[in-house]
Amino acid sequence: MRVDFYDDRGQQSSELTAREGEIQLRSHNMTARGNVVLQTREGTRMSTEEIHFLNREQKIISPVEQLVRVERGGDVLKGYGFESDPGLKRFEFKKNVSAVVHTQSGGGALKREGERR
């Protein structure tokens, strides 16, 4: 399946792909399963096995037991209990967060475990 998300100006902000999904006709809430990837126009990439889109709240959430990986500008964050807007501008992990962050000065990678973003 493929779903495009749009910002307030009507511009495409991100694209979601998954092996399968279902949409609730009344609420327009969605569940996507199997090799789920959300890619933004700015290059941020989120991947997991299952997410839920809550239409009214314009929020993407993952089951708390589902590992989620976010890649942005060479940095990689992983954790559980993911919550975000569809454009991946503001997101958070609820538990077991790890990150590999590349420094701006080129001094190598900095790895942090257990911190929330």
C-alpha atoms as a PDB file:
ATOM      1  CA  MET A   1       0.000   0.000   0.000  1.00  0.00           C
ATOM      2  CA  ARG A   2       1.033   3.614  -0.443  1.00  0.00           C
ATOM      3  CA  VAL A   3      -0.315   6.714   1.304  1.00  0.00           C
ATOM      4  CA  ASP A   4       0.753  10.325   0.706  1.00  0.00           C
ATOM      5  CA  PHE A   5       0.527  12.876   3.526  1.00  0.00           C
ATOM      6  CA  TYR A   6       0.127  16.610   2.856  1.00  0.00           C
ATOM      7  CA  ASP A   7       0.956  19.657   4.963  1.00  0.00           C
ATOM      8  CA  ASP A   8      -1.326  22.638   5.701  1.00  0.00           C
ATOM      9  CA  ARG A   9      -0.332  24.278   2.399  1.00  0.00           C
ATOM     10  CA  GLY A  10      -1.334  21.232   0.353  1.00  0.00           C
ATOM     11  CA  GLN A  11       2.267  20.202  -0.344  1.00  0.00           C
ATOM     12  CA  GLN A  12       3.236  16.533  -0.016  1.00  0.00           C
ATOM     13  CA  SER A  13       5.144  16.166   3.262  1.00  0.00           C
ATOM     14  CA  SER A  14       5.734  12.413   3.356  1.00  0.00           C
ATOM     15  CA  GLU A  15       4.982   9.064   1.759  1.00  0.00           C
ATOM     16  CA  LEU A  16       4.131   5.866   3.614  1.00  0.00           C
ATOM     17  CA  THR A  17       4.567   2.411   2.094  1.00  0.00           C
ATOM     18  CA  ALA A  18       3.707  -0.951   3.646  1.00  0.00           C
ATOM     19  CA  ARG A  19       2.890  -4.504   2.659  1.00  0.00           C
ATOM     20  CA  GLU A  20      -0.735  -4.155   3.786  1.00  0.00           C
ATOM     21  CA  GLY A  21      -3.090  -1.781   5.526  1.00  0.00           C
ATOM     22  CA  GLU A  22      -6.629  -0.941   6.435  1.00  0.00           C
ATOM     23  CA  ILE A  23      -8.548   2.327   6.730  1.00  0.00           C
ATOM     24  CA  GLN A  24     -11.599   2.860   8.902  1.00  0.00           C
ATOM     25  CA  LEU A  25     -14.117   4.544   6.623  1.00  0.00           C
ATOM     26  CA  ARG A  26     -15.853   6.638   9.267  1.00  0.00           C
ATOM     27  CA  SER A  27     -12.806   7.997  11.158  1.00  0.00           C
ATOM     28  CA  HIS A  28     -10.189   7.682   8.376  1.00  0.00           C
ATOM     29  CA  ASN A  29      -7.833   6.155  10.940  1.00  0.00           C
ATOM     30  CA  MET A  30      -5.361   3.765   9.361  1.00  0.00           C
ATOM     31  CA  THR A  31      -3.233   0.772  10.310  1.00  0.00           C
ATOM     32  CA  ALA A  32      -0.231  -0.201   8.182  1.00  0.00           C
ATOM     33  CA  ARG A  33       1.658  -3.482   8.613  1.00  0.00           C
ATOM     34  CA  GLY A  34       4.668  -5.227   7.151  1.00  0.00           C
ATOM     35  CA  ASN A  35       7.845  -3.394   6.142  1.00  0.00           C
ATOM     36  CA  VAL A  36       6.348   0.005   6.978  1.00  0.00           C
ATOM     37  CA  VAL A  37       8.421   2.967   5.760  1.00  0.00           C
ATOM     38  CA  LEU A  38       7.548   6.648   6.144  1.00  0.00           C
ATOM     39  CA  GLN A  39       9.821   8.882   4.043  1.00  0.00           C
ATOM     40  CA  THR A  40       9.651  12.694   4.258  1.00  0.00           C
ATOM     41  CA  ARG A  41      10.489  15.186   1.510  1.00  0.00           C
ATOM     42  CA  GLU A  42      13.382  16.416   3.710  1.00  0.00           C
ATOM     43  CA  GLY A  43      14.928  12.942   3.823  1.00  0.00           C
ATOM     44  CA  THR A  44      13.923  11.680   7.278  1.00  0.00           C
ATOM     45  CA  ARG A  45      13.035   7.979   7.167  1.00  0.00           C
ATOM     46  CA  MET A  46      11.054   5.984   9.745  1.00  0.00           C
ATOM     47  CA  SER A  47      10.781   2.193   9.500  1.00  0.00           C
ATOM     48  CA  THR A  48       8.969  -0.432  11.576  1.00  0.00           C
ATOM     49  CA  GLU A  49       6.570  -3.360  11.187  1.00  0.00           C
ATOM     50  CA  GLU A  50       3.310  -1.679  12.287  1.00  0.00           C
ATOM     51  CA  ILE A  51       1.974   1.841  12.771  1.00  0.00           C
ATOM     52  CA  HIS A  52      -1.380   3.490  13.351  1.00  0.00           C
ATOM     53  CA  PHE A  53      -2.405   6.851  11.914  1.00  0.00           C
ATOM     54  CA  LEU A  54      -4.951   8.736  14.021  1.00  0.00           C
ATOM     55  CA  ASN A  55      -6.639  11.080  11.564  1.00  0.00           C
ATOM     56  CA  ARG A  56      -8.363  13.460  13.973  1.00  0.00           C
ATOM     57  CA  GLU A  57      -5.140  14.023  15.941  1.00  0.00           C
ATOM     58  CA  GLN A  58      -2.932  13.887  12.804  1.00  0.00           C
ATOM     59  CA  LYS A  59      -0.628  11.563  14.724  1.00  0.00           C
ATOM     60  CA  ILE A  60       1.331   8.409  13.924  1.00  0.00           C
ATOM     61  CA  ILE A  61       1.849   5.943  16.754  1.00  0.00           C
ATOM     62  CA  SER A  62       3.402   2.503  17.013  1.00  0.00           C
ATOM     63  CA  PRO A  63       2.533  -0.309  19.409  1.00  0.00           C
ATOM     64  CA  VAL A  64       4.753   0.003  22.496  1.00  0.00           C
ATOM     65  CA  GLU A  65       6.307  -3.433  21.827  1.00  0.00           C
ATOM     66  CA  GLN A  66       7.235  -2.516  18.221  1.00  0.00           C
ATOM     67  CA  LEU A  67      10.813  -1.400  17.446  1.00  0.00           C
ATOM     68  CA  VAL A  68      10.989   1.799  15.372  1.00  0.00           C
ATOM     69  CA  ARG A  69      14.052   3.174  13.562  1.00  0.00           C
ATOM     70  CA  VAL A  70      14.389   6.815  12.463  1.00  0.00           C
ATOM     71  CA  GLU A  71      17.209   8.010  10.198  1.00  0.00           C
ATOM     72  CA  ARG A  72      17.903  11.702   9.686  1.00  0.00           C
ATOM     73  CA  GLY A  73      21.031  13.284   8.230  1.00  0.00           C
ATOM     74  CA  GLY A  74      23.210  10.249   8.998  1.00  0.00           C
ATOM     75  CA  ASP A  75      21.925   9.968  12.591  1.00  0.00           C
ATOM     76  CA  VAL A  76      20.008   6.840  13.638  1.00  0.00           C
ATOM     77  CA  LEU A  77      17.547   6.614  16.527  1.00  0.00           C
ATOM     78  CA  LYS A  78      15.840   3.421  17.654  1.00  0.00           C
ATOM     79  CA  GLY A  79      13.275   2.816  20.353  1.00  0.00           C
ATOM     80  CA  TYR A  80       9.816   1.679  21.346  1.00  0.00           C
ATOM     81  CA  GLY A  81       6.513   3.496  21.797  1.00  0.00           C
ATOM     82  CA  PHE A  82       6.968   5.902  18.878  1.00  0.00           C
ATOM     83  CA  GLU A  83       4.711   8.919  18.414  1.00  0.00           C
ATOM     84  CA  SER A  84       4.974  11.590  15.701  1.00  0.00           C
ATOM     85  CA  ASP A  85       3.271  13.930  13.277  1.00  0.00           C
ATOM     86  CA  PRO A  86       3.051  12.541   9.693  1.00  0.00           C
ATOM     87  CA  GLY A  87       5.890  14.818   8.530  1.00  0.00           C
ATOM     88  CA  LEU A  88       8.279  13.510  11.247  1.00  0.00           C
ATOM     89  CA  LYS A  89       8.997  17.081  12.365  1.00  0.00           C
ATOM     90  CA  ARG A  90       8.416  16.296  16.070  1.00  0.00           C
ATOM     91  CA  PHE A  91       8.634  12.749  17.371  1.00  0.00           C
ATOM     92  CA  GLU A  92       9.285  10.897  20.575  1.00  0.00           C
ATOM     93  CA  PHE A  93      10.077   7.412  21.804  1.00  0.00           C
ATOM     94  CA  LYS A  94       8.568   6.153  25.061  1.00  0.00           C
ATOM     95  CA  LYS A  95      11.232   3.609  26.089  1.00  0.00           C
ATOM     96  CA  ASN A  96      14.525   1.816  25.331  1.00  0.00           C
ATOM     97  CA  VAL A  97      15.912   4.568  23.105  1.00  0.00           C
ATOM     98  CA  SER A  98      19.332   4.327  21.500  1.00  0.00           C
ATOM     99  CA  ALA A  99      20.978   6.787  19.137  1.00  0.00           C
ATOM    100  CA  VAL A 100      24.021   7.068  16.918  1.00  0.00           C
ATOM    101  CA  VAL A 101      24.628  10.776  16.344  1.00  0.00           C
ATOM    102  CA  HIS A 102      27.334  12.113  14.053  1.00  0.00           C
ATOM    103  CA  THR A 103      28.924  15.312  15.317  1.00  0.00           C
ATOM    104  CA  GLN A 104      28.904  18.480  13.219  1.00  0.00           C
ATOM    105  CA  SER A 105      32.681  18.896  13.561  1.00  0.00           C
ATOM    106  CA  GLY A 106      33.411  15.540  11.947  1.00  0.00           C
ATOM    107  CA  GLY A 107      34.832  14.077  15.128  1.00  0.00           C
ATOM    108  CA  GLY A 108      33.076  10.752  14.597  1.00  0.00           C
ATOM    109  CA  ALA A 109      29.903   9.219  15.936  1.00  0.00           C
ATOM    110  CA  LEU A 110      28.525   9.646  19.416  1.00  0.00           C
ATOM    111  CA  LYS A 111      26.368   6.802  20.700  1.00  0.00           C
ATOM    112  CA  ARG A 112      23.836   7.434  23.423  1.00  0.00           C
ATOM    113  CA  GLU A 113      21.712   4.774  25.061  1.00  0.00           C
ATOM    114  CA  GLY A 114      18.531   5.265  27.040  1.00  0.00           C
ATOM    115  CA  GLU A 115      17.913   8.943  26.272  1.00  0.00           C
ATOM    116  CA  ARG A 116      14.640  10.352  25.013  1.00  0.00           C
ATOM    117  CA  ARG A 117      14.563  12.599  22.005  1.00  0.00           C
END
